[in-house]
Amino acid sequence: MRFDRSLGENIVFAAHNLVTDRSFNEFHVIMCRNVMIYFERALQEDVFGLLHKSLVTLGVLALGTKESLGPSSLSGCYENLDGRHRIYRRVS
């Protein structure tokens, strides 16, 4: 991806362990691509809960092309912005 350089002032990159860490901020965009495919269903549900708590209402969640919110109990909290690229918006 390419972003306008001025956006860099507001971007935070941080290491985060999806298995052991909790939410540490409210984000407008979360890109979690090609990670969930390695987790069992129960851990996926936990991670979707973490991502949901970390994303502001109307924030955007981008998953990998082999991943989906479909099996998550939180799928009703999101609208599909781009099915092909697995990009969702949190609506509740």
PDB file of N, CA and C in Angstrom:
ATOM      1  N   MET A   1       0.827  -1.177   0.000  1.00  0.00           N
ATOM      2  CA  MET A   1       0.000   0.000   0.000  1.00  0.00           C
ATOM      3  C   MET A   1       0.870   1.239   0.000  1.00  0.00           C
ATOM      4  N   ARG A   2       0.321   2.278  -0.536  1.00  0.00           N
ATOM      5  CA  ARG A   2       0.995   3.576  -0.485  1.00  0.00           C
ATOM      6  C   ARG A   2       0.053   4.572   0.162  1.00  0.00           C
ATOM      7  N   PHE A   3       0.587   5.318   1.100  1.00  0.00           N
ATOM      8  CA  PHE A   3      -0.170   6.349   1.790  1.00  0.00           C
ATOM      9  C   PHE A   3       0.509   7.692   1.554  1.00  0.00           C
ATOM     10  N   ASP A   4      -0.274   8.740   1.623  1.00  0.00           N
ATOM     11  CA  ASP A   4       0.279  10.074   1.587  1.00  0.00           C
ATOM     12  C   ASP A   4       1.209  10.234   2.789  1.00  0.00           C
ATOM     13  N   ARG A   5       2.358  10.835   2.589  1.00  0.00           N
ATOM     14  CA  ARG A   5       3.359  10.976   3.659  1.00  0.00           C
ATOM     15  C   ARG A   5       2.799  11.671   4.901  1.00  0.00           C
ATOM     16  N   SER A   6       1.872  12.579   4.721  1.00  0.00           N
ATOM     17  CA  SER A   6       1.317  13.305   5.875  1.00  0.00           C
ATOM     18  C   SER A   6       0.548  12.382   6.817  1.00  0.00           C
ATOM     19  N   LEU A   7       0.043  11.265   6.307  1.00  0.00           N
ATOM     20  CA  LEU A   7      -0.671  10.314   7.159  1.00  0.00           C
ATOM     21  C   LEU A   7       0.271   9.614   8.134  1.00  0.00           C
ATOM     22  N   GLY A   8       1.539   9.549   7.797  1.00  0.00           N
ATOM     23  CA  GLY A   8       2.512   8.872   8.650  1.00  0.00           C
ATOM     24  C   GLY A   8       2.607   9.443  10.050  1.00  0.00           C
ATOM     25  N   GLU A   9       2.245  10.698  10.205  1.00  0.00           N
ATOM     26  CA  GLU A   9       2.283  11.325  11.522  1.00  0.00           C
ATOM     27  C   GLU A   9       1.285  10.695  12.477  1.00  0.00           C
ATOM     28  N   ASN A  10       0.253  10.059  11.956  1.00  0.00           N
ATOM     29  CA  ASN A  10      -0.805   9.482  12.785  1.00  0.00           C
ATOM     30  C   ASN A  10      -0.814   7.961  12.786  1.00  0.00           C
ATOM     31  N   ILE A  11       0.188   7.340  12.204  1.00  0.00           N
ATOM     32  CA  ILE A  11       0.240   5.883  12.135  1.00  0.00           C
ATOM     33  C   ILE A  11       1.127   5.356  13.250  1.00  0.00           C
ATOM     34  N   VAL A  12       0.625   4.351  13.953  1.00  0.00           N
ATOM     35  CA  VAL A  12       1.390   3.707  15.015  1.00  0.00           C
ATOM     36  C   VAL A  12       1.591   2.249  14.620  1.00  0.00           C
ATOM     37  N   PHE A  13       2.835   1.809  14.583  1.00  0.00           N
ATOM     38  CA  PHE A  13       3.157   0.414  14.359  1.00  0.00           C
ATOM     39  C   PHE A  13       3.629  -0.146  15.690  1.00  0.00           C
ATOM     40  N   ALA A  14       3.071  -1.284  16.090  1.00  0.00           N
ATOM     41  CA  ALA A  14       3.451  -1.868  17.374  1.00  0.00           C
ATOM     42  C   ALA A  14       3.347  -3.379  17.294  1.00  0.00           C
ATOM     43  N   ALA A  15       4.207  -4.041  18.041  1.00  0.00           N
ATOM     44  CA  ALA A  15       4.115  -5.498  18.152  1.00  0.00           C
ATOM     45  C   ALA A  15       2.958  -5.834  19.088  1.00  0.00           C
ATOM     46  N   HIS A  16       2.190  -6.843  18.712  1.00  0.00           N
ATOM     47  CA  HIS A  16       1.047  -7.249  19.530  1.00  0.00           C
ATOM     48  C   HIS A  16       0.834  -8.735  19.357  1.00  0.00           C
ATOM     49  N   ASN A  17       0.733  -9.456  20.450  1.00  0.00           N
ATOM     50  CA  ASN A  17       0.476 -10.891  20.400  1.00  0.00           C
ATOM     51  C   ASN A  17      -1.023 -11.114  20.501  1.00  0.00           C
ATOM     52  N   LEU A  18      -1.640 -11.568  19.439  1.00  0.00           N
ATOM     53  CA  LEU A  18      -3.098 -11.765  19.408  1.00  0.00           C
ATOM     54  C   LEU A  18      -3.569 -12.851  20.365  1.00  0.00           C
ATOM     55  N   VAL A  19      -2.676 -13.730  20.765  1.00  0.00           N
ATOM     56  CA  VAL A  19      -3.047 -14.841  21.645  1.00  0.00           C
ATOM     57  C   VAL A  19      -3.010 -14.429  23.114  1.00  0.00           C
ATOM     58  N   THR A  20      -2.036 -13.623  23.501  1.00  0.00           N
ATOM     59  CA  THR A  20      -1.860 -13.329  24.927  1.00  0.00           C
ATOM     60  C   THR A  20      -2.142 -11.892  25.324  1.00  0.00           C
ATOM     61  N   ASP A  21      -2.055 -10.941  24.394  1.00  0.00           N
ATOM     62  CA  ASP A  21      -2.245  -9.528  24.745  1.00  0.00           C
ATOM     63  C   ASP A  21      -3.717  -9.135  24.647  1.00  0.00           C
ATOM     64  N   ARG A  22      -4.059  -8.092  25.355  1.00  0.00           N
ATOM     65  CA  ARG A  22      -5.412  -7.526  25.325  1.00  0.00           C
ATOM     66  C   ARG A  22      -5.398  -6.247  24.487  1.00  0.00           C
ATOM     67  N   SER A  23      -6.550  -5.662  24.326  1.00  0.00           N
ATOM     68  CA  SER A  23      -6.668  -4.414  23.583  1.00  0.00           C
ATOM     69  C   SER A  23      -5.878  -3.320  24.295  1.00  0.00           C
ATOM     70  N   PHE A  24      -5.167  -2.494  23.530  1.00  0.00           N
ATOM     71  CA  PHE A  24      -4.403  -1.427  24.161  1.00  0.00           C
ATOM     72  C   PHE A  24      -4.720  -0.049  23.583  1.00  0.00           C
ATOM     73  N   ASN A  25      -5.701   0.035  22.714  1.00  0.00           N
ATOM     74  CA  ASN A  25      -6.059   1.320  22.126  1.00  0.00           C
ATOM     75  C   ASN A  25      -7.339   1.145  21.328  1.00  0.00           C
ATOM     76  N   GLU A  26      -7.888   2.248  20.829  1.00  0.00           N
ATOM     77  CA  GLU A  26      -9.003   2.203  19.895  1.00  0.00           C
ATOM     78  C   GLU A  26      -8.466   2.613  18.533  1.00  0.00           C
ATOM     79  N   PHE A  27      -8.680   1.767  17.536  1.00  0.00           N
ATOM     80  CA  PHE A  27      -8.108   1.986  16.219  1.00  0.00           C
ATOM     81  C   PHE A  27      -9.202   2.248  15.186  1.00  0.00           C
ATOM     82  N   HIS A  28      -8.852   2.994  14.160  1.00  0.00           N
ATOM     83  CA  HIS A  28      -9.760   3.280  13.053  1.00  0.00           C
ATOM     84  C   HIS A  28      -9.569   2.270  11.923  1.00  0.00           C
ATOM     85  N   VAL A  29      -8.393   1.689  11.831  1.00  0.00           N
ATOM     86  CA  VAL A  29      -8.095   0.672  10.818  1.00  0.00           C
ATOM     87  C   VAL A  29      -7.249  -0.413  11.469  1.00  0.00           C
ATOM     88  N   ILE A  30      -7.661  -1.665  11.263  1.00  0.00           N
ATOM     89  CA  ILE A  30      -6.856  -2.809  11.693  1.00  0.00           C
ATOM     90  C   ILE A  30      -6.685  -3.715  10.493  1.00  0.00           C
ATOM     91  N   MET A  31      -5.432  -4.021  10.177  1.00  0.00           N
ATOM     92  CA  MET A  31      -5.131  -4.971   9.111  1.00  0.00           C
ATOM     93  C   MET A  31      -4.563  -6.226   9.770  1.00  0.00           C
ATOM     94  N   CYS A  32      -5.332  -7.273   9.701  1.00  0.00           N
ATOM     95  CA  CYS A  32      -4.936  -8.548  10.298  1.00  0.00           C
ATOM     96  C   CYS A  32      -5.056  -9.591   9.187  1.00  0.00           C
ATOM     97  N   ARG A  33      -4.050  -9.632   8.347  1.00  0.00           N
ATOM     98  CA  ARG A  33      -4.142 -10.424   7.127  1.00  0.00           C
ATOM     99  C   ARG A  33      -3.323 -11.706   7.229  1.00  0.00           C
ATOM    100  N   ASN A  34      -3.994 -12.812   6.871  1.00  0.00           N
ATOM    101  CA  ASN A  34      -3.358 -14.128   6.787  1.00  0.00           C
ATOM    102  C   ASN A  34      -2.770 -14.594   8.111  1.00  0.00           C
ATOM    103  N   VAL A  35      -3.499 -14.309   9.186  1.00  0.00           N
ATOM    104  CA  VAL A  35      -3.115 -14.764  10.519  1.00  0.00           C
ATOM    105  C   VAL A  35      -4.134 -15.770  11.040  1.00  0.00           C
ATOM    106  N   MET A  36      -5.407 -15.452  10.885  1.00  0.00           N
ATOM    107  CA  MET A  36      -6.485 -16.265  11.455  1.00  0.00           C
ATOM    108  C   MET A  36      -6.506 -17.693  10.909  1.00  0.00           C
ATOM    109  N   ILE A  37      -6.001 -17.881   9.701  1.00  0.00           N
ATOM    110  CA  ILE A  37      -6.026 -19.216   9.092  1.00  0.00           C
ATOM    111  C   ILE A  37      -5.185 -20.218   9.871  1.00  0.00           C
ATOM    112  N   TYR A  38      -4.298 -19.736  10.725  1.00  0.00           N
ATOM    113  CA  TYR A  38      -3.442 -20.619  11.511  1.00  0.00           C
ATOM    114  C   TYR A  38      -4.029 -20.962  12.878  1.00  0.00           C
ATOM    115  N   PHE A  39      -5.165 -20.363  13.227  1.00  0.00           N
ATOM    116  CA  PHE A  39      -5.775 -20.552  14.544  1.00  0.00           C
ATOM    117  C   PHE A  39      -6.949 -21.518  14.478  1.00  0.00           C
ATOM    118  N   GLU A  40      -7.132 -22.272  15.557  1.00  0.00           N
ATOM    119  CA  GLU A  40      -8.329 -23.110  15.718  1.00  0.00           C
ATOM    120  C   GLU A  40      -9.533 -22.189  15.899  1.00  0.00           C
ATOM    121  N   ARG A  41     -10.732 -22.730  15.692  1.00  0.00           N
ATOM    122  CA  ARG A  41     -11.969 -21.945  15.725  1.00  0.00           C
ATOM    123  C   ARG A  41     -12.135 -21.162  17.039  1.00  0.00           C
ATOM    124  N   ALA A  42     -11.865 -21.785  18.190  1.00  0.00           N
ATOM    125  CA  ALA A  42     -12.043 -21.097  19.480  1.00  0.00           C
ATOM    126  C   ALA A  42     -11.094 -19.904  19.603  1.00  0.00           C
ATOM    127  N   LEU A  43      -9.860 -20.066  19.181  1.00  0.00           N
ATOM    128  CA  LEU A  43      -8.904 -18.963  19.241  1.00  0.00           C
ATOM    129  C   LEU A  43      -9.284 -17.872  18.237  1.00  0.00           C
ATOM    130  N   GLN A  44      -9.792 -18.253  17.086  1.00  0.00           N
ATOM    131  CA  GLN A  44     -10.266 -17.261  16.119  1.00  0.00           C
ATOM    132  C   GLN A  44     -11.353 -16.401  16.753  1.00  0.00           C
ATOM    133  N   GLU A  45     -12.277 -17.025  17.453  1.00  0.00           N
ATOM    134  CA  GLU A  45     -13.368 -16.291  18.102  1.00  0.00           C
ATOM    135  C   GLU A  45     -12.812 -15.319  19.145  1.00  0.00           C
ATOM    136  N   ASP A  46     -11.829 -15.752  19.925  1.00  0.00           N
ATOM    137  CA  ASP A  46     -11.198 -14.872  20.912  1.00  0.00           C
ATOM    138  C   ASP A  46     -10.522 -13.677  20.222  1.00  0.00           C
ATOM    139  N   VAL A  47      -9.811 -13.941  19.145  1.00  0.00           N
ATOM    140  CA  VAL A  47      -9.104 -12.875  18.431  1.00  0.00           C
ATOM    141  C   VAL A  47     -10.094 -11.920  17.780  1.00  0.00           C
ATOM    142  N   PHE A  48     -11.182 -12.446  17.196  1.00  0.00           N
ATOM    143  CA  PHE A  48     -12.201 -11.548  16.636  1.00  0.00           C
ATOM    144  C   PHE A  48     -12.776 -10.656  17.733  1.00  0.00           C
ATOM    145  N   GLY A  49     -12.947 -11.187  18.940  1.00  0.00           N
ATOM    146  CA  GLY A  49     -13.425 -10.380  20.068  1.00  0.00           C
ATOM    147  C   GLY A  49     -12.438  -9.274  20.413  1.00  0.00           C
ATOM    148  N   LEU A  50     -11.151  -9.598  20.420  1.00  0.00           N
ATOM    149  CA  LEU A  50     -10.102  -8.615  20.688  1.00  0.00           C
ATOM    150  C   LEU A  50     -10.095  -7.524  19.613  1.00  0.00           C
ATOM    151  N   LEU A  51     -10.169  -7.932  18.366  1.00  0.00           N
ATOM    152  CA  LEU A  51     -10.178  -6.955  17.273  1.00  0.00           C
ATOM    153  C   LEU A  51     -11.405  -6.062  17.364  1.00  0.00           C
ATOM    154  N   HIS A  52     -12.544  -6.655  17.704  1.00  0.00           N
ATOM    155  CA  HIS A  52     -13.793  -5.902  17.823  1.00  0.00           C
ATOM    156  C   HIS A  52     -13.680  -4.849  18.930  1.00  0.00           C
ATOM    157  N   LYS A  53     -13.127  -5.230  20.081  1.00  0.00           N
ATOM    158  CA  LYS A  53     -12.954  -4.284  21.188  1.00  0.00           C
ATOM    159  C   LYS A  53     -11.954  -3.185  20.831  1.00  0.00           C
ATOM    160  N   SER A  54     -11.028  -3.490  19.946  1.00  0.00           N
ATOM    161  CA  SER A  54      -9.963  -2.546  19.597  1.00  0.00           C
ATOM    162  C   SER A  54     -10.345  -1.600  18.469  1.00  0.00           C
ATOM    163  N   LEU A  55     -11.439  -1.880  17.772  1.00  0.00           N
ATOM    164  CA  LEU A  55     -11.832  -1.100  16.601  1.00  0.00           C
ATOM    165  C   LEU A  55     -12.982  -0.164  16.954  1.00  0.00           C
ATOM    166  N   VAL A  56     -12.850   1.112  16.610  1.00  0.00           N
ATOM    167  CA  VAL A  56     -13.921   2.071  16.867  1.00  0.00           C
ATOM    168  C   VAL A  56     -15.123   1.752  15.975  1.00  0.00           C
ATOM    169  N   THR A  57     -16.289   2.200  16.385  1.00  0.00           N
ATOM    170  CA  THR A  57     -17.467   2.075  15.531  1.00  0.00           C
ATOM    171  C   THR A  57     -17.203   2.831  14.239  1.00  0.00           C
ATOM    172  N   LEU A  58     -17.504   2.212  13.137  1.00  0.00           N
ATOM    173  CA  LEU A  58     -17.254   2.668  11.769  1.00  0.00           C
ATOM    174  C   LEU A  58     -15.787   2.503  11.355  1.00  0.00           C
ATOM    175  N   GLY A  59     -14.992   1.854  12.201  1.00  0.00           N
ATOM    176  CA  GLY A  59     -13.619   1.530  11.848  1.00  0.00           C
ATOM    177  C   GLY A  59     -13.585   0.394  10.840  1.00  0.00           C
ATOM    178  N   VAL A  60     -12.460   0.230  10.182  1.00  0.00           N
ATOM    179  CA  VAL A  60     -12.314  -0.742   9.101  1.00  0.00           C
ATOM    180  C   VAL A  60     -11.395  -1.880   9.528  1.00  0.00           C
ATOM    181  N   LEU A  61     -11.829  -3.106   9.240  1.00  0.00           N
ATOM    182  CA  LEU A  61     -11.061  -4.318   9.514  1.00  0.00           C
ATOM    183  C   LEU A  61     -10.762  -5.006   8.194  1.00  0.00           C
ATOM    184  N   ALA A  62      -9.474  -5.239   7.924  1.00  0.00           N
ATOM    185  CA  ALA A  62      -9.062  -5.929   6.707  1.00  0.00           C
ATOM    186  C   ALA A  62      -8.491  -7.287   7.085  1.00  0.00           C
ATOM    187  N   LEU A  63      -9.067  -8.347   6.525  1.00  0.00           N
ATOM    188  CA  LEU A  63      -8.592  -9.706   6.755  1.00  0.00           C
ATOM    189  C   LEU A  63      -7.929 -10.224   5.481  1.00  0.00           C
ATOM    190  N   GLY A  64      -7.310 -11.385   5.580  1.00  0.00           N
ATOM    191  CA  GLY A  64      -6.706 -12.010   4.417  1.00  0.00           C
ATOM    192  C   GLY A  64      -7.764 -12.580   3.493  1.00  0.00           C
ATOM    193  N   THR A  65      -7.397 -12.859   2.256  1.00  0.00           N
ATOM    194  CA  THR A  65      -8.362 -13.323   1.259  1.00  0.00           C
ATOM    195  C   THR A  65      -8.913 -14.712   1.563  1.00  0.00           C
ATOM    196  N   LYS A  66      -8.262 -15.472   2.409  1.00  0.00           N
ATOM    197  CA  LYS A  66      -8.753 -16.804   2.803  1.00  0.00           C
ATOM    198  C   LYS A  66      -9.484 -16.761   4.137  1.00  0.00           C
ATOM    199  N   GLU A  67      -9.652 -15.560   4.702  1.00  0.00           N
ATOM    200  CA  GLU A  67     -10.272 -15.394   6.014  1.00  0.00           C
ATOM    201  C   GLU A  67     -11.623 -14.701   5.873  1.00  0.00           C
ATOM    202  N   SER A  68     -12.462 -14.877   6.890  1.00  0.00           N
ATOM    203  CA  SER A  68     -13.785 -14.297   6.829  1.00  0.00           C
ATOM    204  C   SER A  68     -14.346 -14.110   8.231  1.00  0.00           C
ATOM    205  N   LEU A  69     -15.206 -13.120   8.386  1.00  0.00           N
ATOM    206  CA  LEU A  69     -15.949 -12.943   9.634  1.00  0.00           C
ATOM    207  C   LEU A  69     -17.129 -13.904   9.720  1.00  0.00           C
ATOM    208  N   GLY A  70     -17.438 -14.569   8.625  1.00  0.00           N
ATOM    209  CA  GLY A  70     -18.607 -15.436   8.541  1.00  0.00           C
ATOM    210  C   GLY A  70     -18.844 -16.339   9.733  1.00  0.00           C
ATOM    211  N   PRO A  71     -17.848 -17.120  10.170  1.00  0.00           N
ATOM    212  CA  PRO A  71     -18.091 -18.036  11.281  1.00  0.00           C
ATOM    213  C   PRO A  71     -18.095 -17.369  12.653  1.00  0.00           C
ATOM    214  N   SER A  72     -17.737 -16.103  12.743  1.00  0.00           N
ATOM    215  CA  SER A  72     -17.658 -15.421  14.030  1.00  0.00           C
ATOM    216  C   SER A  72     -19.038 -15.010  14.525  1.00  0.00           C
ATOM    217  N   SER A  73     -19.231 -15.070  15.837  1.00  0.00           N
ATOM    218  CA  SER A  73     -20.486 -14.605  16.430  1.00  0.00           C
ATOM    219  C   SER A  73     -20.629 -13.087  16.303  1.00  0.00           C
ATOM    220  N   LEU A  74     -19.558 -12.402  15.949  1.00  0.00           N
ATOM    221  CA  LEU A  74     -19.575 -10.952  15.798  1.00  0.00           C
ATOM    222  C   LEU A  74     -19.812 -10.503  14.362  1.00  0.00           C
ATOM    223  N   SER A  75     -20.032 -11.421  13.454  1.00  0.00           N
ATOM    224  CA  SER A  75     -20.167 -11.058  12.039  1.00  0.00           C
ATOM    225  C   SER A  75     -21.314 -10.071  11.801  1.00  0.00           C
ATOM    226  N   GLY A  76     -22.353 -10.113  12.617  1.00  0.00           N
ATOM    227  CA  GLY A  76     -23.476  -9.189  12.470  1.00  0.00           C
ATOM    228  C   GLY A  76     -23.145  -7.759  12.855  1.00  0.00           C
ATOM    229  N   CYS A  77     -21.992  -7.554  13.465  1.00  0.00           N
ATOM    230  CA  CYS A  77     -21.563  -6.211  13.878  1.00  0.00           C
ATOM    231  C   CYS A  77     -20.796  -5.484  12.775  1.00  0.00           C
ATOM    232  N   TYR A  78     -20.686  -6.126  11.606  1.00  0.00           N
ATOM    233  CA  TYR A  78     -19.878  -5.574  10.523  1.00  0.00           C
ATOM    234  C   TYR A  78     -20.653  -5.562   9.219  1.00  0.00           C
ATOM    235  N   GLU A  79     -20.337  -4.575   8.383  1.00  0.00           N
ATOM    236  CA  GLU A  79     -20.851  -4.578   7.022  1.00  0.00           C
ATOM    237  C   GLU A  79     -19.691  -4.871   6.090  1.00  0.00           C
ATOM    238  N   ASN A  80     -19.997  -5.549   5.027  1.00  0.00           N
ATOM    239  CA  ASN A  80     -18.988  -5.936   4.054  1.00  0.00           C
ATOM    240  C   ASN A  80     -18.734  -4.763   3.113  1.00  0.00           C
ATOM    241  N   LEU A  81     -17.504  -4.244   3.112  1.00  0.00           N
ATOM    242  CA  LEU A  81     -17.153  -3.157   2.202  1.00  0.00           C
ATOM    243  C   LEU A  81     -16.597  -3.681   0.890  1.00  0.00           C
ATOM    244  N   ASP A  82     -15.848  -4.787   0.965  1.00  0.00           N
ATOM    245  CA  ASP A  82     -15.240  -5.368  -0.227  1.00  0.00           C
ATOM    246  C   ASP A  82     -15.049  -6.858   0.018  1.00  0.00           C
ATOM    247  N   GLY A  83     -15.974  -7.653  -0.487  1.00  0.00           N
ATOM    248  CA  GLY A  83     -15.941  -9.093  -0.264  1.00  0.00           C
ATOM    249  C   GLY A  83     -14.718  -9.770  -0.850  1.00  0.00           C
ATOM    250  N   ARG A  84     -14.299  -9.323  -2.001  1.00  0.00           N
ATOM    251  CA  ARG A  84     -13.146  -9.939  -2.658  1.00  0.00           C
ATOM    252  C   ARG A  84     -11.870  -9.755  -1.842  1.00  0.00           C
ATOM    253  N   HIS A  85     -11.724  -8.581  -1.248  1.00  0.00           N
ATOM    254  CA  HIS A  85     -10.524  -8.276  -0.477  1.00  0.00           C
ATOM    255  C   HIS A  85     -10.736  -8.418   1.026  1.00  0.00           C
ATOM    256  N   ARG A  86     -11.920  -8.869   1.441  1.00  0.00           N
ATOM    257  CA  ARG A  86     -12.246  -9.125   2.861  1.00  0.00           C
ATOM    258  C   ARG A  86     -12.051  -7.889   3.732  1.00  0.00           C
ATOM    259  N   ILE A  87     -12.701  -6.803   3.327  1.00  0.00           N
ATOM    260  CA  ILE A  87     -12.626  -5.550   4.076  1.00  0.00           C
ATOM    261  C   ILE A  87     -14.015  -5.270   4.637  1.00  0.00           C
ATOM    262  N   TYR A  88     -14.055  -5.028   5.955  1.00  0.00           N
ATOM    263  CA  TYR A  88     -15.308  -4.865   6.664  1.00  0.00           C
ATOM    264  C   TYR A  88     -15.312  -3.556   7.455  1.00  0.00           C
ATOM    265  N   ARG A  89     -16.518  -3.023   7.735  1.00  0.00           N
ATOM    266  CA  ARG A  89     -16.672  -1.843   8.587  1.00  0.00           C
ATOM    267  C   ARG A  89     -17.485  -2.247   9.803  1.00  0.00           C
ATOM    268  N   ARG A  90     -16.971  -1.882  10.980  1.00  0.00           N
ATOM    269  CA  ARG A  90     -17.714  -2.141  12.219  1.00  0.00           C
ATOM    270  C   ARG A  90     -18.886  -1.176  12.306  1.00  0.00           C
ATOM    271  N   VAL A  91     -20.084  -1.707  12.427  1.00  0.00           N
ATOM    272  CA  VAL A  91     -21.277  -0.860  12.491  1.00  0.00           C
ATOM    273  C   VAL A  91     -21.927  -0.871  13.874  1.00  0.00           C
ATOM    274  N   SER A  92     -21.542  -1.787  14.718  1.00  0.00           N
ATOM    275  CA  SER A  92     -22.070  -1.786  16.098  1.00  0.00           C
ATOM    276  C   SER A  92     -21.105  -2.453  17.037  1.00  0.00           C
TER     277      SER A  92
END
